[in-house]
């Protein structure tokens, strides 16, 4: 199990991989166990979200590029071992 932050984890158990990504579309971004592992080891990951939104009375498409998977956690201090927090 790799848990990067709240609502962002990947569990590999008995050949079945379950993952949850906060604010990142799994369908539009190829999210794999390797991407979670790289993010846990300190690599930053970029994601792309596409969709529709209403602007005034018109429908418009949008494309958003943002930070995808990241092990950065700003609510607590992560200690030197990379596991425990304070």
PDB file of N, CA and C in Angstrom:
ATOM      1  N   UNK A   1       0.847  -1.186   0.000  1.00  0.00           N
ATOM      2  CA  UNK A   1       0.000   0.000   0.000  1.00  0.00           C
ATOM      3  C   UNK A   1       0.882   1.235   0.000  1.00  0.00           C
ATOM      4  N   UNK A   2       0.531   2.165  -0.877  1.00  0.00           N
ATOM      5  CA  UNK A   2       1.193   3.469  -0.916  1.00  0.00           C
ATOM      6  C   UNK A   2       0.111   4.518  -0.678  1.00  0.00           C
ATOM      7  N   UNK A   3       0.246   5.284   0.396  1.00  0.00           N
ATOM      8  CA  UNK A   3      -0.697   6.356   0.710  1.00  0.00           C
ATOM      9  C   UNK A   3       0.059   7.672   0.688  1.00  0.00           C
ATOM     10  N   UNK A   4      -0.225   8.504  -0.305  1.00  0.00           N
ATOM     11  CA  UNK A   4       0.491   9.769  -0.442  1.00  0.00           C
ATOM     12  C   UNK A   4      -0.081  10.850   0.462  1.00  0.00           C
ATOM     13  N   UNK A   5      -1.392  10.957   0.507  1.00  0.00           N
ATOM     14  CA  UNK A   5      -2.074  11.924   1.371  1.00  0.00           C
ATOM     15  C   UNK A   5      -3.523  11.468   1.507  1.00  0.00           C
ATOM     16  N   UNK A   6      -4.341  12.269   2.143  1.00  0.00           N
ATOM     17  CA  UNK A   6      -5.739  11.901   2.322  1.00  0.00           C
ATOM     18  C   UNK A   6      -6.413  11.734   0.965  1.00  0.00           C
ATOM     19  N   UNK A   7      -7.158  10.659   0.799  1.00  0.00           N
ATOM     20  CA  UNK A   7      -7.910  10.335  -0.420  1.00  0.00           C
ATOM     21  C   UNK A   7      -7.028  10.107  -1.644  1.00  0.00           C
ATOM     22  N   UNK A   8      -5.774   9.745  -1.436  1.00  0.00           N
ATOM     23  CA  UNK A   8      -4.865   9.476  -2.546  1.00  0.00           C
ATOM     24  C   UNK A   8      -3.986   8.284  -2.163  1.00  0.00           C
ATOM     25  N   UNK A   9      -4.392   7.078  -2.606  1.00  0.00           N
ATOM     26  CA  UNK A   9      -3.684   5.877  -2.216  1.00  0.00           C
ATOM     27  C   UNK A   9      -3.772   4.833  -3.315  1.00  0.00           C
ATOM     28  N   UNK A  10      -2.923   3.818  -3.200  1.00  0.00           N
ATOM     29  CA  UNK A  10      -2.921   2.693  -4.127  1.00  0.00           C
ATOM     30  C   UNK A  10      -2.636   1.428  -3.326  1.00  0.00           C
ATOM     31  N   UNK A  11      -3.513   0.439  -3.458  1.00  0.00           N
ATOM     32  CA  UNK A  11      -3.385  -0.824  -2.732  1.00  0.00           C
ATOM     33  C   UNK A  11      -3.267  -1.951  -3.748  1.00  0.00           C
ATOM     34  N   UNK A  12      -2.229  -2.774  -3.599  1.00  0.00           N
ATOM     35  CA  UNK A  12      -2.026  -3.927  -4.469  1.00  0.00           C
ATOM     36  C   UNK A  12      -2.191  -5.173  -3.617  1.00  0.00           C
ATOM     37  N   UNK A  13      -3.319  -5.852  -3.783  1.00  0.00           N
ATOM     38  CA  UNK A  13      -3.571  -7.035  -2.977  1.00  0.00           C
ATOM     39  C   UNK A  13      -4.160  -8.160  -3.799  1.00  0.00           C
ATOM     40  N   UNK A  14      -3.506  -9.303  -3.788  1.00  0.00           N
ATOM     41  CA  UNK A  14      -3.977 -10.509  -4.464  1.00  0.00           C
ATOM     42  C   UNK A  14      -4.269 -10.284  -5.952  1.00  0.00           C
ATOM     43  N   UNK A  15      -3.401  -9.541  -6.619  1.00  0.00           N
ATOM     44  CA  UNK A  15      -3.557  -9.313  -8.045  1.00  0.00           C
ATOM     45  C   UNK A  15      -4.560  -8.238  -8.424  1.00  0.00           C
ATOM     46  N   UNK A  16      -5.244  -7.653  -7.443  1.00  0.00           N
ATOM     47  CA  UNK A  16      -6.221  -6.600  -7.702  1.00  0.00           C
ATOM     48  C   UNK A  16      -5.658  -5.279  -7.180  1.00  0.00           C
ATOM     49  N   UNK A  17      -5.619  -4.278  -8.040  1.00  0.00           N
ATOM     50  CA  UNK A  17      -5.101  -2.966  -7.639  1.00  0.00           C
ATOM     51  C   UNK A  17      -6.275  -2.013  -7.458  1.00  0.00           C
ATOM     52  N   UNK A  18      -6.379  -1.425  -6.262  1.00  0.00           N
ATOM     53  CA  UNK A  18      -7.420  -0.435  -5.976  1.00  0.00           C
ATOM     54  C   UNK A  18      -6.719   0.881  -5.726  1.00  0.00           C
ATOM     55  N   UNK A  19      -7.174   1.917  -6.405  1.00  0.00           N
ATOM     56  CA  UNK A  19      -6.546   3.220  -6.206  1.00  0.00           C
ATOM     57  C   UNK A  19      -7.584   4.319  -6.155  1.00  0.00           C
ATOM     58  N   UNK A  20      -7.233   5.358  -5.437  1.00  0.00           N
ATOM     59  CA  UNK A  20      -8.075   6.538  -5.330  1.00  0.00           C
ATOM     60  C   UNK A  20      -7.183   7.748  -5.526  1.00  0.00           C
ATOM     61  N   UNK A  21      -7.596   8.645  -6.387  1.00  0.00           N
ATOM     62  CA  UNK A  21      -6.811   9.844  -6.658  1.00  0.00           C
ATOM     63  C   UNK A  21      -7.684  11.069  -6.418  1.00  0.00           C
ATOM     64  N   UNK A  22      -7.232  11.942  -5.562  1.00  0.00           N
ATOM     65  CA  UNK A  22      -7.977  13.145  -5.216  1.00  0.00           C
ATOM     66  C   UNK A  22      -7.810  14.186  -6.320  1.00  0.00           C
ATOM     67  N   UNK A  23      -8.895  14.654  -6.889  1.00  0.00           N
ATOM     68  CA  UNK A  23      -8.899  15.718  -7.911  1.00  0.00           C
ATOM     69  C   UNK A  23      -8.115  15.358  -9.166  1.00  0.00           C
ATOM     70  N   UNK A  24      -8.035  14.082  -9.503  1.00  0.00           N
ATOM     71  CA  UNK A  24      -7.311  13.676 -10.697  1.00  0.00           C
ATOM     72  C   UNK A  24      -8.108  12.571 -11.381  1.00  0.00           C
ATOM     73  N   UNK A  25      -8.421  12.770 -12.634  1.00  0.00           N
ATOM     74  CA  UNK A  25      -9.207  11.799 -13.368  1.00  0.00           C
ATOM     75  C   UNK A  25      -8.362  10.587 -13.729  1.00  0.00           C
ATOM     76  N   UNK A  26      -8.764   9.395 -13.256  1.00  0.00           N
ATOM     77  CA  UNK A  26      -8.025   8.171 -13.571  1.00  0.00           C
ATOM     78  C   UNK A  26      -8.242   7.770 -15.026  1.00  0.00           C
ATOM     79  N   UNK A  27      -9.368   8.154 -15.598  1.00  0.00           N
ATOM     80  CA  UNK A  27      -9.683   7.791 -16.974  1.00  0.00           C
ATOM     81  C   UNK A  27      -8.828   8.584 -17.963  1.00  0.00           C
ATOM     82  N   UNK A  28      -8.580   9.860 -17.685  1.00  0.00           N
ATOM     83  CA  UNK A  28      -7.825  10.702 -18.610  1.00  0.00           C
ATOM     84  C   UNK A  28      -6.318  10.591 -18.393  1.00  0.00           C
ATOM     85  N   UNK A  29      -5.895  10.186 -17.209  1.00  0.00           N
ATOM     86  CA  UNK A  29      -4.474  10.059 -16.888  1.00  0.00           C
ATOM     87  C   UNK A  29      -4.176   8.597 -16.604  1.00  0.00           C
ATOM     88  N   UNK A  30      -3.126   8.083 -17.205  1.00  0.00           N
ATOM     89  CA  UNK A  30      -2.762   6.687 -17.020  1.00  0.00           C
ATOM     90  C   UNK A  30      -2.109   6.529 -15.646  1.00  0.00           C
ATOM     91  N   UNK A  31      -2.920   6.246 -14.631  1.00  0.00           N
ATOM     92  CA  UNK A  31      -2.438   6.134 -13.262  1.00  0.00           C
ATOM     93  C   UNK A  31      -2.058   4.683 -12.999  1.00  0.00           C
ATOM     94  N   UNK A  32      -0.804   4.458 -12.611  1.00  0.00           N
ATOM     95  CA  UNK A  32      -0.294   3.117 -12.369  1.00  0.00           C
ATOM     96  C   UNK A  32       0.400   3.056 -11.014  1.00  0.00           C
ATOM     97  N   UNK A  33       0.718   1.832 -10.605  1.00  0.00           N
ATOM     98  CA  UNK A  33       1.448   1.604  -9.357  1.00  0.00           C
ATOM     99  C   UNK A  33       2.820   2.286  -9.428  1.00  0.00           C
ATOM    100  N   UNK A  34       3.463   2.269 -10.606  1.00  0.00           N
ATOM    101  CA  UNK A  34       4.785   2.875 -10.769  1.00  0.00           C
ATOM    102  C   UNK A  34       4.729   4.390 -10.561  1.00  0.00           C
ATOM    103  N   UNK A  35       3.653   5.037 -11.007  1.00  0.00           N
ATOM    104  CA  UNK A  35       3.520   6.490 -10.801  1.00  0.00           C
ATOM    105  C   UNK A  35       3.350   6.815  -9.327  1.00  0.00           C
ATOM    106  N   UNK A  36       2.595   5.988  -8.593  1.00  0.00           N
ATOM    107  CA  UNK A  36       2.454   6.188  -7.149  1.00  0.00           C
ATOM    108  C   UNK A  36       3.795   5.998  -6.454  1.00  0.00           C
ATOM    109  N   UNK A  37       4.540   4.972  -6.844  1.00  0.00           N
ATOM    110  CA  UNK A  37       5.834   4.695  -6.226  1.00  0.00           C
ATOM    111  C   UNK A  37       6.830   5.818  -6.492  1.00  0.00           C
ATOM    112  N   UNK A  38       6.845   6.340  -7.715  1.00  0.00           N
ATOM    113  CA  UNK A  38       7.744   7.454  -8.054  1.00  0.00           C
ATOM    114  C   UNK A  38       7.384   8.705  -7.259  1.00  0.00           C
ATOM    115  N   UNK A  39       6.083   8.971  -7.094  1.00  0.00           N
ATOM    116  CA  UNK A  39       5.662  10.135  -6.310  1.00  0.00           C
ATOM    117  C   UNK A  39       6.035   9.966  -4.847  1.00  0.00           C
ATOM    118  N   UNK A  40       5.934   8.751  -4.319  1.00  0.00           N
ATOM    119  CA  UNK A  40       6.311   8.486  -2.931  1.00  0.00           C
ATOM    120  C   UNK A  40       7.800   8.704  -2.712  1.00  0.00           C
ATOM    121  N   UNK A  41       8.611   8.411  -3.733  1.00  0.00           N
ATOM    122  CA  UNK A  41      10.062   8.582  -3.632  1.00  0.00           C
ATOM    123  C   UNK A  41      10.515  10.014  -3.910  1.00  0.00           C
ATOM    124  N   UNK A  42       9.585  10.942  -4.146  1.00  0.00           N
ATOM    125  CA  UNK A  42       9.942  12.350  -4.270  1.00  0.00           C
ATOM    126  C   UNK A  42       9.740  12.961  -5.638  1.00  0.00           C
ATOM    127  N   UNK A  43       9.390  12.194  -6.625  1.00  0.00           N
ATOM    128  CA  UNK A  43       9.173  12.726  -7.965  1.00  0.00           C
ATOM    129  C   UNK A  43       7.827  13.457  -8.026  1.00  0.00           C
ATOM    130  N   UNK A  44       7.763  14.554  -8.755  1.00  0.00           N
ATOM    131  CA  UNK A  44       6.488  15.250  -8.942  1.00  0.00           C
ATOM    132  C   UNK A  44       5.846  14.761 -10.230  1.00  0.00           C
ATOM    133  N   UNK A  45       4.549  14.798 -10.260  1.00  0.00           N
ATOM    134  CA  UNK A  45       3.788  14.224 -11.353  1.00  0.00           C
ATOM    135  C   UNK A  45       2.805  15.271 -11.860  1.00  0.00           C
ATOM    136  N   UNK A  46       2.635  15.366 -13.178  1.00  0.00           N
ATOM    137  CA  UNK A  46       1.694  16.321 -13.772  1.00  0.00           C
ATOM    138  C   UNK A  46       0.455  15.569 -14.256  1.00  0.00           C
ATOM    139  N   UNK A  47      -0.698  16.217 -14.146  1.00  0.00           N
ATOM    140  CA  UNK A  47      -1.963  15.615 -14.571  1.00  0.00           C
ATOM    141  C   UNK A  47      -2.718  16.589 -15.461  1.00  0.00           C
ATOM    142  N   UNK A  48      -3.638  16.046 -16.226  1.00  0.00           N
ATOM    143  CA  UNK A  48      -4.449  16.856 -17.128  1.00  0.00           C
ATOM    144  C   UNK A  48      -5.912  16.474 -16.939  1.00  0.00           C
ATOM    145  N   UNK A  49      -6.758  17.459 -16.741  1.00  0.00           N
ATOM    146  CA  UNK A  49      -8.200  17.240 -16.647  1.00  0.00           C
ATOM    147  C   UNK A  49      -8.881  18.028 -17.753  1.00  0.00           C
ATOM    148  N   UNK A  50      -9.822  17.379 -18.428  1.00  0.00           N
ATOM    149  CA  UNK A  50     -10.596  18.023 -19.487  1.00  0.00           C
ATOM    150  C   UNK A  50     -12.064  17.877 -19.147  1.00  0.00           C
ATOM    151  N   UNK A  51     -12.863  18.851 -19.554  1.00  0.00           N
ATOM    152  CA  UNK A  51     -14.290  18.739 -19.293  1.00  0.00           C
ATOM    153  C   UNK A  51     -15.079  19.885 -19.884  1.00  0.00           C
ATOM    154  N   UNK A  52     -16.332  19.978 -19.464  1.00  0.00           N
ATOM    155  CA  UNK A  52     -17.243  21.028 -19.912  1.00  0.00           C
ATOM    156  C   UNK A  52     -17.630  21.883 -18.724  1.00  0.00           C
ATOM    157  N   UNK A  53     -17.875  23.169 -18.979  1.00  0.00           N
ATOM    158  CA  UNK A  53     -18.397  24.041 -17.942  1.00  0.00           C
ATOM    159  C   UNK A  53     -19.244  25.134 -18.575  1.00  0.00           C
ATOM    160  N   UNK A  54     -20.143  25.666 -17.800  1.00  0.00           N
ATOM    161  CA  UNK A  54     -21.006  26.753 -18.277  1.00  0.00           C
ATOM    162  C   UNK A  54     -20.353  28.086 -17.943  1.00  0.00           C
ATOM    163  N   UNK A  55     -20.267  28.943 -18.928  1.00  0.00           N
ATOM    164  CA  UNK A  55     -19.780  30.313 -18.743  1.00  0.00           C
ATOM    165  C   UNK A  55     -20.880  31.235 -19.218  1.00  0.00           C
ATOM    166  N   UNK A  56     -21.562  31.861 -18.272  1.00  0.00           N
ATOM    167  CA  UNK A  56     -22.728  32.650 -18.643  1.00  0.00           C
ATOM    168  C   UNK A  56     -23.812  31.705 -19.105  1.00  0.00           C
ATOM    169  N   UNK A  57     -24.241  31.853 -20.323  1.00  0.00           N
ATOM    170  CA  UNK A  57     -25.256  30.962 -20.901  1.00  0.00           C
ATOM    171  C   UNK A  57     -24.672  30.081 -21.997  1.00  0.00           C
ATOM    172  N   UNK A  58     -23.354  29.959 -22.034  1.00  0.00           N
ATOM    173  CA  UNK A  58     -22.710  29.174 -23.086  1.00  0.00           C
ATOM    174  C   UNK A  58     -21.927  28.019 -22.484  1.00  0.00           C
ATOM    175  N   UNK A  59     -21.930  26.911 -23.187  1.00  0.00           N
ATOM    176  CA  UNK A  59     -21.155  25.738 -22.789  1.00  0.00           C
ATOM    177  C   UNK A  59     -19.766  25.858 -23.400  1.00  0.00           C
ATOM    178  N   UNK A  60     -18.740  25.615 -22.584  1.00  0.00           N
ATOM    179  CA  UNK A  60     -17.364  25.702 -23.067  1.00  0.00           C
ATOM    180  C   UNK A  60     -16.576  24.504 -22.553  1.00  0.00           C
ATOM    181  N   UNK A  61     -15.570  24.114 -23.317  1.00  0.00           N
ATOM    182  CA  UNK A  61     -14.680  23.055 -22.865  1.00  0.00           C
ATOM    183  C   UNK A  61     -13.480  23.685 -22.181  1.00  0.00           C
ATOM    184  N   UNK A  62     -12.865  22.936 -21.278  1.00  0.00           N
ATOM    185  CA  UNK A  62     -11.664  23.419 -20.620  1.00  0.00           C
ATOM    186  C   UNK A  62     -10.638  22.300 -20.534  1.00  0.00           C
ATOM    187  N   UNK A  63      -9.400  22.703 -20.407  1.00  0.00           N
ATOM    188  CA  UNK A  63      -8.287  21.783 -20.246  1.00  0.00           C
ATOM    189  C   UNK A  63      -7.406  22.352 -19.141  1.00  0.00           C
ATOM    190  N   UNK A  64      -7.210  21.579 -18.086  1.00  0.00           N
ATOM    191  CA  UNK A  64      -6.495  22.048 -16.908  1.00  0.00           C
ATOM    192  C   UNK A  64      -5.270  21.179 -16.677  1.00  0.00           C
ATOM    193  N   UNK A  65      -4.101  21.790 -16.624  1.00  0.00           N
ATOM    194  CA  UNK A  65      -2.852  21.092 -16.307  1.00  0.00           C
ATOM    195  C   UNK A  65      -2.486  21.458 -14.880  1.00  0.00           C
ATOM    196  N   UNK A  66      -2.245  20.445 -14.044  1.00  0.00           N
ATOM    197  CA  UNK A  66      -1.963  20.718 -12.641  1.00  0.00           C
ATOM    198  C   UNK A  66      -1.059  19.649 -12.058  1.00  0.00           C
ATOM    199  N   UNK A  67      -0.678  19.831 -10.809  1.00  0.00           N
ATOM    200  CA  UNK A  67       0.126  18.859 -10.094  1.00  0.00           C
ATOM    201  C   UNK A  67      -0.717  17.628  -9.842  1.00  0.00           C
ATOM    202  N   UNK A  68      -0.237  16.470 -10.243  1.00  0.00           N
ATOM    203  CA  UNK A  68      -0.993  15.228 -10.090  1.00  0.00           C
ATOM    204  C   UNK A  68      -0.697  14.552  -8.772  1.00  0.00           C
ATOM    205  N   UNK A  69       0.154  13.551  -8.805  1.00  0.00           N
ATOM    206  CA  UNK A  69       0.512  12.811  -7.600  1.00  0.00           C
ATOM    207  C   UNK A  69       1.715  13.460  -6.946  1.00  0.00           C
ATOM    208  N   UNK A  70       1.620  13.680  -5.636  1.00  0.00           N
ATOM    209  CA  UNK A  70       2.708  14.294  -4.899  1.00  0.00           C
ATOM    210  C   UNK A  70       2.674  13.806  -3.466  1.00  0.00           C
ATOM    211  N   UNK A  71       3.846  13.613  -2.883  1.00  0.00           N
ATOM    212  CA  UNK A  71       3.926  13.180  -1.488  1.00  0.00           C
ATOM    213  C   UNK A  71       4.030  14.371  -0.548  1.00  0.00           C
ATOM    214  N   UNK A  72       3.896  15.591  -1.057  1.00  0.00           N
ATOM    215  CA  UNK A  72       3.969  16.781  -0.210  1.00  0.00           C
ATOM    216  C   UNK A  72       2.752  16.844   0.704  1.00  0.00           C
ATOM    217  N   UNK A  73       2.990  17.037   1.985  1.00  0.00           N
ATOM    218  CA  UNK A  73       1.914  17.074   2.976  1.00  0.00           C
ATOM    219  C   UNK A  73       2.132  18.289   3.843  1.00  0.00           C
ATOM    220  N   UNK A  74       1.298  19.318   3.711  1.00  0.00           N
ATOM    221  CA  UNK A  74       1.527  20.587   4.400  1.00  0.00           C
ATOM    222  C   UNK A  74       0.840  20.702   5.755  1.00  0.00           C
ATOM    223  N   UNK A  75       0.088  19.722   6.180  1.00  0.00           N
ATOM    224  CA  UNK A  75      -0.628  19.818   7.453  1.00  0.00           C
ATOM    225  C   UNK A  75       0.207  19.353   8.651  1.00  0.00           C
ATOM    226  N   UNK A  76       1.200  18.493   8.392  1.00  0.00           N
ATOM    227  CA  UNK A  76       2.070  17.990   9.459  1.00  0.00           C
ATOM    228  C   UNK A  76       3.513  17.974   8.955  1.00  0.00           C
ATOM    229  N   UNK A  77       4.453  17.849   9.881  1.00  0.00           N
ATOM    230  CA  UNK A  77       5.862  17.721   9.520  1.00  0.00           C
ATOM    231  C   UNK A  77       6.196  16.251   9.391  1.00  0.00           C
ATOM    232  N   UNK A  78       6.748  15.878   8.260  1.00  0.00           N
ATOM    233  CA  UNK A  78       7.188  14.498   8.062  1.00  0.00           C
ATOM    234  C   UNK A  78       8.606  14.376   8.588  1.00  0.00           C
ATOM    235  N   UNK A  79       8.850  13.375   9.433  1.00  0.00           N
ATOM    236  CA  UNK A  79      10.151  13.194  10.041  1.00  0.00           C
ATOM    237  C   UNK A  79      11.142  12.596   9.045  1.00  0.00           C
ATOM    238  N   UNK A  80      12.387  12.489   9.431  1.00  0.00           N
ATOM    239  CA  UNK A  80      13.473  12.064   8.535  1.00  0.00           C
ATOM    240  C   UNK A  80      13.293  10.671   7.971  1.00  0.00           C
ATOM    241  N   UNK A  81      12.571   9.773   8.679  1.00  0.00           N
ATOM    242  CA  UNK A  81      12.392   8.424   8.158  1.00  0.00           C
ATOM    243  C   UNK A  81      11.384   8.364   7.007  1.00  0.00           C
ATOM    244  N   UNK A  82      10.645   9.447   6.754  1.00  0.00           N
ATOM    245  CA  UNK A  82       9.708   9.523   5.638  1.00  0.00           C
ATOM    246  C   UNK A  82       8.381   8.852   5.910  1.00  0.00           C
ATOM    247  N   UNK A  83       8.173   8.314   7.114  1.00  0.00           N
ATOM    248  CA  UNK A  83       6.943   7.611   7.448  1.00  0.00           C
ATOM    249  C   UNK A  83       6.184   8.319   8.565  1.00  0.00           C
ATOM    250  N   UNK A  84       6.864   8.611   9.640  1.00  0.00           N
ATOM    251  CA  UNK A  84       6.214   9.207  10.813  1.00  0.00           C
ATOM    252  C   UNK A  84       6.079  10.714  10.663  1.00  0.00           C
ATOM    253  N   UNK A  85       5.032  11.270  11.287  1.00  0.00           N
ATOM    254  CA  UNK A  85       4.791  12.714  11.229  1.00  0.00           C
ATOM    255  C   UNK A  85       4.680  13.286  12.643  1.00  0.00           C
ATOM    256  N   UNK A  86       4.797  14.601  12.730  1.00  0.00           N
ATOM    257  CA  UNK A  86       4.712  15.277  14.018  1.00  0.00           C
ATOM    258  C   UNK A  86       3.723  16.430  13.896  1.00  0.00           C
TER     259      UNK A  86
END
